[in-house]
Amino acid sequence: MENTKARGSIVIHIALIIGAIVMAFPFLWMLLTSLKTQGEISAVPIVVLPSAFRWENYQKALDSAPYLLLYKNTILMIIGRIICALLFSSMSAYGFARISFPGNNLLFSIVIIQMMVPAEIFMIPQYQMVSKLNLLNSVFALIFPGLVSAFGAFFMRQQFMSLPYELEEAAILDGCNRWQIYSRIMLPLTKSAMVSLAVFTALFAWKDLMWPIIVNMDMSKLTLSAGLATLKVSLSSNQGALMASSVIATFPMLILYAICQKQFIEGIAQTGMK
């Protein structure tokens, strides 16, 4: 039995290692390409490792776009969407999970339906709303689609449902109202899930491409993903600089996940306990 378990464990670890390599390979290839010359990039057979690290590709990438402005717009968009997601999603999720009222299941089903349809369906009405508010070419226009989050409501609802009802009953006996129960008791217990939702929201916002291009036309109002899309044309002849731009845009997300990975994994695990 022990030998069978050991062999099974080895097979599982080998499969996980292969999966990790497959997942990491595109990023590693992008990183290596950003350090190659154009000749090494287009060489046949393929050159895997550069003969020397060509850091000038990063200098060309930095000179091709106002990265400080792109980073600022992206960070402001992410902060705005995270605040809205954590505030409104947790409030609605608490109502759906812990408060019984007529139409609870129906309203939550409507929220879930929003997750089942492509986000592109909502872009035309969202654009019309932002346009009528005269807020095109602004940071608020970037935040607008993230004012509410169906995924956040579903995600936090699962976490609230996993908490024992005895906590609420004890708080009611102590004289707490619904807002006090939500803000002082339930919300602190979902800290890990909120960190996970913040990371998810930041990731979704960071890679959002179509919406920033639609609502903002000026380069000074674009985000990193939209800015890279416009740079693809100007840097099409210099793939090393284009890959360097992609590395610059990807690196902050890697740092964020490295810092928050413990809370992120813990929040995912706890959310699935129910």
Protein backbone atom coordinates (compact mmCIF):
# COMPACT_ATOMS: atom_id res chain seq x y z
CA MET A 1 0.00 0.00 0.00
CA GLU A 2 2.78 2.42 0.91
CA ASN A 3 4.57 1.78 -2.39
CA THR A 4 1.33 2.36 -4.31
CA LYS A 5 0.72 5.64 -2.49
CA ALA A 6 4.33 6.72 -3.10
CA ARG A 7 4.06 5.97 -6.83
CA GLY A 8 0.73 7.82 -7.00
CA SER A 9 2.26 10.82 -5.23
CA ILE A 10 5.21 10.86 -7.65
CA VAL A 11 2.89 10.74 -10.67
CA ILE A 12 0.80 13.60 -9.27
CA HIS A 13 3.88 15.73 -8.59
CA ILE A 14 5.27 15.06 -12.06
CA ALA A 15 1.93 16.10 -13.60
CA LEU A 16 1.87 19.27 -11.47
CA ILE A 17 5.45 20.14 -12.43
CA ILE A 18 4.66 19.68 -16.13
CA GLY A 19 1.55 21.82 -15.74
CA ALA A 20 3.55 24.54 -13.97
CA ILE A 21 6.16 24.55 -16.74
CA VAL A 22 3.48 24.80 -19.42
CA MET A 23 1.82 27.70 -17.59
CA ALA A 24 5.10 29.56 -16.95
CA PHE A 25 6.59 29.00 -20.41
CA PRO A 26 4.85 31.94 -22.20
CA PHE A 27 6.03 34.40 -19.56
CA LEU A 28 9.58 33.01 -19.59
CA TRP A 29 9.63 33.20 -23.39
CA MET A 30 8.40 36.81 -23.27
CA LEU A 31 11.12 37.67 -20.73
CA LEU A 32 13.87 36.02 -22.80
CA THR A 33 12.64 37.64 -26.02
CA SER A 34 12.76 41.07 -24.38
CA LEU A 35 16.51 40.55 -23.85
CA LYS A 36 17.35 39.43 -27.42
CA THR A 37 18.39 41.28 -30.52
CA GLN A 38 16.04 41.36 -33.50
CA GLY A 39 18.33 38.93 -35.29
CA GLU A 40 18.14 36.42 -32.46
CA ILE A 41 14.35 36.77 -32.33
CA SER A 42 13.89 35.96 -36.01
CA ALA A 43 16.71 33.39 -36.22
CA VAL A 44 16.09 29.89 -37.59
CA PRO A 45 16.53 27.54 -35.76
CA ILE A 46 15.04 29.25 -32.73
CA VAL A 47 17.47 30.86 -30.30
CA VAL A 48 16.26 30.15 -26.76
CA LEU A 49 18.84 32.02 -24.68
CA PRO A 50 20.20 35.41 -25.79
CA SER A 51 23.96 35.69 -26.32
CA ALA A 52 23.90 38.75 -24.03
CA PHE A 53 21.18 40.58 -22.14
CA ARG A 54 20.01 43.52 -24.30
CA TRP A 55 18.62 45.98 -21.76
CA GLU A 56 18.31 48.65 -24.45
CA ASN A 57 15.00 47.06 -25.45
CA TYR A 58 13.59 48.28 -22.14
CA GLN A 59 14.92 51.77 -22.77
CA LYS A 60 13.24 51.82 -26.18
CA ALA A 61 10.01 50.61 -24.63
CA LEU A 62 10.12 53.34 -21.96
CA ASP A 63 10.81 55.99 -24.60
CA SER A 64 7.88 54.89 -26.77
CA ALA A 65 5.05 55.73 -24.33
CA PRO A 66 4.30 57.84 -21.22
CA TYR A 67 4.45 54.92 -18.83
CA LEU A 68 4.10 57.04 -15.70
CA LEU A 69 0.74 58.34 -16.93
CA LEU A 70 -0.35 54.86 -18.02
CA TYR A 71 0.61 53.44 -14.62
CA LYS A 72 -1.18 56.28 -12.82
CA ASN A 73 -4.40 55.78 -14.81
CA THR A 74 -4.25 52.02 -14.31
CA ILE A 75 -3.60 52.28 -10.57
CA LEU A 76 -6.42 54.82 -10.10
CA MET A 77 -8.78 52.55 -12.05
CA ILE A 78 -7.78 49.52 -9.98
CA ILE A 79 -8.13 51.35 -6.66
CA GLY A 80 -11.55 52.69 -7.64
CA ARG A 81 -12.81 49.31 -8.80
CA ILE A 82 -11.45 47.53 -5.71
CA ILE A 83 -13.14 50.00 -3.34
CA CYS A 84 -16.46 49.68 -5.18
CA ALA A 85 -16.20 45.88 -5.39
CA LEU A 86 -15.37 45.44 -1.71
CA LEU A 87 -18.00 47.91 -0.50
CA PHE A 88 -21.01 47.19 -2.70
CA SER A 89 -20.35 43.49 -3.27
CA SER A 90 -19.93 42.75 0.43
CA MET A 91 -23.09 44.71 1.30
CA SER A 92 -25.22 42.98 -1.33
CA ALA A 93 -23.68 39.59 -0.53
CA TYR A 94 -24.50 39.96 3.15
CA GLY A 95 -28.10 40.78 2.27
CA PHE A 96 -28.43 37.80 -0.04
CA ALA A 97 -26.73 35.39 2.36
CA ARG A 98 -28.06 36.40 5.79
CA ILE A 99 -31.32 38.34 5.33
CA SER A 100 -34.50 36.56 4.32
CA PHE A 101 -36.82 38.81 2.30
CA PRO A 102 -39.36 38.30 -0.52
CA GLY A 103 -37.62 37.90 -3.88
CA ASN A 104 -34.19 37.12 -2.41
CA ASN A 105 -33.56 34.13 -4.66
CA LEU A 106 -35.02 35.86 -7.71
CA LEU A 107 -32.82 38.94 -7.30
CA PHE A 108 -29.74 36.81 -6.71
CA SER A 109 -30.57 34.80 -9.85
CA ILE A 110 -30.62 38.06 -11.82
CA VAL A 111 -27.17 38.86 -10.43
CA ILE A 112 -25.89 35.41 -11.45
CA ILE A 113 -27.32 35.82 -14.97
CA GLN A 114 -24.98 38.78 -15.47
CA MET A 115 -22.04 36.38 -15.03
CA MET A 116 -23.40 34.10 -17.75
CA VAL A 117 -23.46 36.62 -20.60
CA PRO A 118 -20.46 38.26 -22.33
CA ALA A 119 -19.38 41.58 -20.83
CA GLU A 120 -19.42 43.11 -24.34
CA ILE A 121 -23.24 43.11 -24.22
CA PHE A 122 -23.17 45.81 -21.54
CA MET A 123 -20.63 48.06 -23.28
CA ILE A 124 -23.08 50.02 -25.45
CA PRO A 125 -25.46 50.99 -22.60
CA GLN A 126 -22.48 51.68 -20.31
CA TYR A 127 -20.91 53.92 -22.95
CA GLN A 128 -24.19 55.80 -23.42
CA MET A 129 -24.45 56.35 -19.68
CA VAL A 130 -20.89 57.68 -19.41
CA SER A 131 -21.39 59.85 -22.50
CA LYS A 132 -24.59 61.42 -21.13
CA LEU A 133 -22.74 62.18 -17.90
CA ASN A 134 -20.07 64.00 -20.00
CA LEU A 135 -17.36 61.87 -18.40
CA LEU A 136 -15.62 60.45 -21.45
CA ASN A 137 -11.81 60.73 -21.39
CA SER A 138 -11.70 60.61 -17.60
CA VAL A 139 -10.58 58.27 -14.84
CA PHE A 140 -14.19 57.83 -13.71
CA ALA A 141 -15.02 56.42 -17.15
CA LEU A 142 -12.43 53.69 -16.50
CA ILE A 143 -13.91 52.88 -13.08
CA PHE A 144 -17.55 52.98 -14.20
CA PRO A 145 -18.00 49.28 -15.22
CA GLY A 146 -16.58 48.23 -11.85
CA LEU A 147 -19.07 50.19 -9.72
CA VAL A 148 -20.93 46.90 -9.24
CA SER A 149 -19.62 43.36 -9.54
CA ALA A 150 -21.82 40.30 -9.99
CA PHE A 151 -18.80 38.07 -9.44
CA GLY A 152 -17.97 39.92 -6.22
CA ALA A 153 -21.51 39.52 -4.91
CA PHE A 154 -21.47 35.78 -5.65
CA PHE A 155 -17.96 35.35 -4.23
CA MET A 156 -18.67 37.14 -0.95
CA ARG A 157 -22.10 35.51 -0.56
CA GLN A 158 -20.43 32.10 -0.44
CA GLN A 159 -18.13 33.34 2.32
CA PHE A 160 -20.94 34.85 4.39
CA MET A 161 -22.95 31.63 4.08
CA SER A 162 -20.08 29.65 5.59
CA LEU A 163 -20.15 31.67 8.83
CA PRO A 164 -22.14 30.25 11.78
CA TYR A 165 -25.55 31.81 12.44
CA GLU A 166 -24.88 31.70 16.18
CA LEU A 167 -22.66 34.77 15.80
CA GLU A 168 -25.56 36.77 14.44
CA GLU A 169 -27.96 35.52 17.09
CA ALA A 170 -25.52 36.47 19.85
CA ALA A 171 -25.06 39.93 18.33
CA ILE A 172 -28.83 40.47 18.12
CA LEU A 173 -29.18 39.50 21.79
CA ASP A 174 -26.50 42.08 22.61
CA GLY A 175 -28.57 44.75 20.85
CA CYS A 176 -26.70 45.07 17.54
CA ASN A 177 -28.61 46.19 14.47
CA ARG A 178 -28.02 44.82 10.97
CA TRP A 179 -25.40 47.42 10.07
CA GLN A 180 -23.42 46.76 13.25
CA ILE A 181 -23.58 42.99 12.68
CA TYR A 182 -22.36 43.45 9.10
CA SER A 183 -19.61 45.99 9.75
CA ARG A 184 -18.29 44.90 13.17
CA ILE A 185 -18.76 41.13 13.20
CA MET A 186 -19.27 39.61 9.75
CA LEU A 187 -16.99 41.81 7.67
CA PRO A 188 -13.84 41.30 9.79
CA LEU A 189 -14.36 37.51 9.56
CA THR A 190 -14.21 37.67 5.75
CA LYS A 191 -10.85 39.42 5.56
CA SER A 192 -9.18 36.65 3.53
CA ALA A 193 -12.06 36.50 1.06
CA MET A 194 -11.96 40.28 0.64
CA VAL A 195 -8.23 40.14 -0.08
CA SER A 196 -8.93 37.46 -2.69
CA LEU A 197 -11.70 39.57 -4.22
CA ALA A 198 -9.37 42.57 -4.29
CA VAL A 199 -6.72 40.54 -6.12
CA PHE A 200 -9.32 39.21 -8.57
CA THR A 201 -10.68 42.70 -9.18
CA ALA A 202 -7.19 44.13 -9.67
CA LEU A 203 -6.35 41.36 -12.15
CA PHE A 204 -9.57 41.83 -14.14
CA ALA A 205 -9.06 45.60 -14.22
CA TRP A 206 -5.36 45.33 -15.12
CA LYS A 207 -6.04 43.27 -18.23
CA ASP A 208 -9.18 45.18 -19.30
CA LEU A 209 -8.47 46.23 -22.87
CA MET A 210 -11.61 47.04 -24.84
CA TRP A 211 -13.38 49.38 -22.42
CA PRO A 212 -10.47 51.86 -21.89
CA ILE A 213 -9.99 52.12 -25.66
CA ILE A 214 -13.70 52.79 -26.17
CA VAL A 215 -14.21 55.53 -23.58
CA ASN A 216 -10.78 57.22 -23.60
CA MET A 217 -9.08 58.35 -26.78
CA ASP A 218 -6.13 60.37 -25.47
CA MET A 219 -2.89 58.50 -24.75
CA SER A 220 -2.64 60.38 -21.44
CA LYS A 221 -5.96 58.84 -20.33
CA LEU A 222 -5.32 55.24 -21.40
CA THR A 223 -4.38 52.31 -19.18
CA LEU A 224 -1.36 50.05 -19.61
CA SER A 225 -3.19 47.35 -21.58
CA ALA A 226 -4.77 49.90 -23.92
CA GLY A 227 -1.45 51.74 -24.27
CA LEU A 228 0.31 48.51 -25.22
CA ALA A 229 -2.35 47.83 -27.84
CA THR A 230 -1.61 51.19 -29.48
CA LEU A 231 2.14 50.59 -29.21
CA LYS A 232 1.82 47.26 -31.02
CA VAL A 233 1.66 49.13 -34.34
CA SER A 234 4.61 51.45 -33.70
CA LEU A 235 6.80 48.67 -32.25
CA SER A 236 5.78 45.93 -34.69
CA SER A 237 9.25 46.02 -36.28
CA ASN A 238 11.00 45.76 -32.89
CA GLN A 239 9.66 42.69 -31.15
CA GLY A 240 12.25 42.91 -28.39
CA ALA A 241 10.98 46.33 -27.31
CA LEU A 242 7.39 45.12 -27.62
CA MET A 243 8.11 42.17 -25.32
CA ALA A 244 9.92 44.52 -22.94
CA SER A 245 6.76 46.66 -22.82
CA SER A 246 4.75 43.54 -21.99
CA VAL A 247 7.15 42.64 -19.17
CA ILE A 248 6.86 46.16 -17.75
CA ALA A 249 3.06 45.86 -17.80
CA THR A 250 3.04 42.36 -16.26
CA PHE A 251 5.58 42.80 -13.47
CA PRO A 252 3.36 44.74 -10.97
CA MET A 253 0.72 41.97 -11.02
CA LEU A 254 3.38 39.40 -10.18
CA ILE A 255 4.52 41.52 -7.23
CA LEU A 256 0.91 41.91 -6.02
CA TYR A 257 0.28 38.17 -6.16
CA ALA A 258 3.61 37.39 -4.47
CA ILE A 259 2.67 39.70 -1.57
CA CYS A 260 -0.94 38.55 -1.23
CA GLN A 261 -0.71 34.90 -2.27
CA LYS A 262 -1.24 33.54 1.26
CA GLN A 263 -4.47 35.51 1.77
CA PHE A 264 -5.49 34.82 -1.82
CA ILE A 265 -5.22 31.03 -1.49
CA GLU A 266 -6.77 31.08 1.99
CA GLY A 267 -9.73 33.11 0.77
CA ILE A 268 -10.35 30.74 -2.15
CA ALA A 269 -10.18 27.71 0.14
CA GLN A 270 -12.50 29.18 2.75
CA THR A 271 -15.01 30.32 0.14
CA GLY A 272 -15.42 26.73 -1.04
CA MET A 273 -15.92 25.24 2.43
CA LYS A 274 -19.71 25.58 2.33
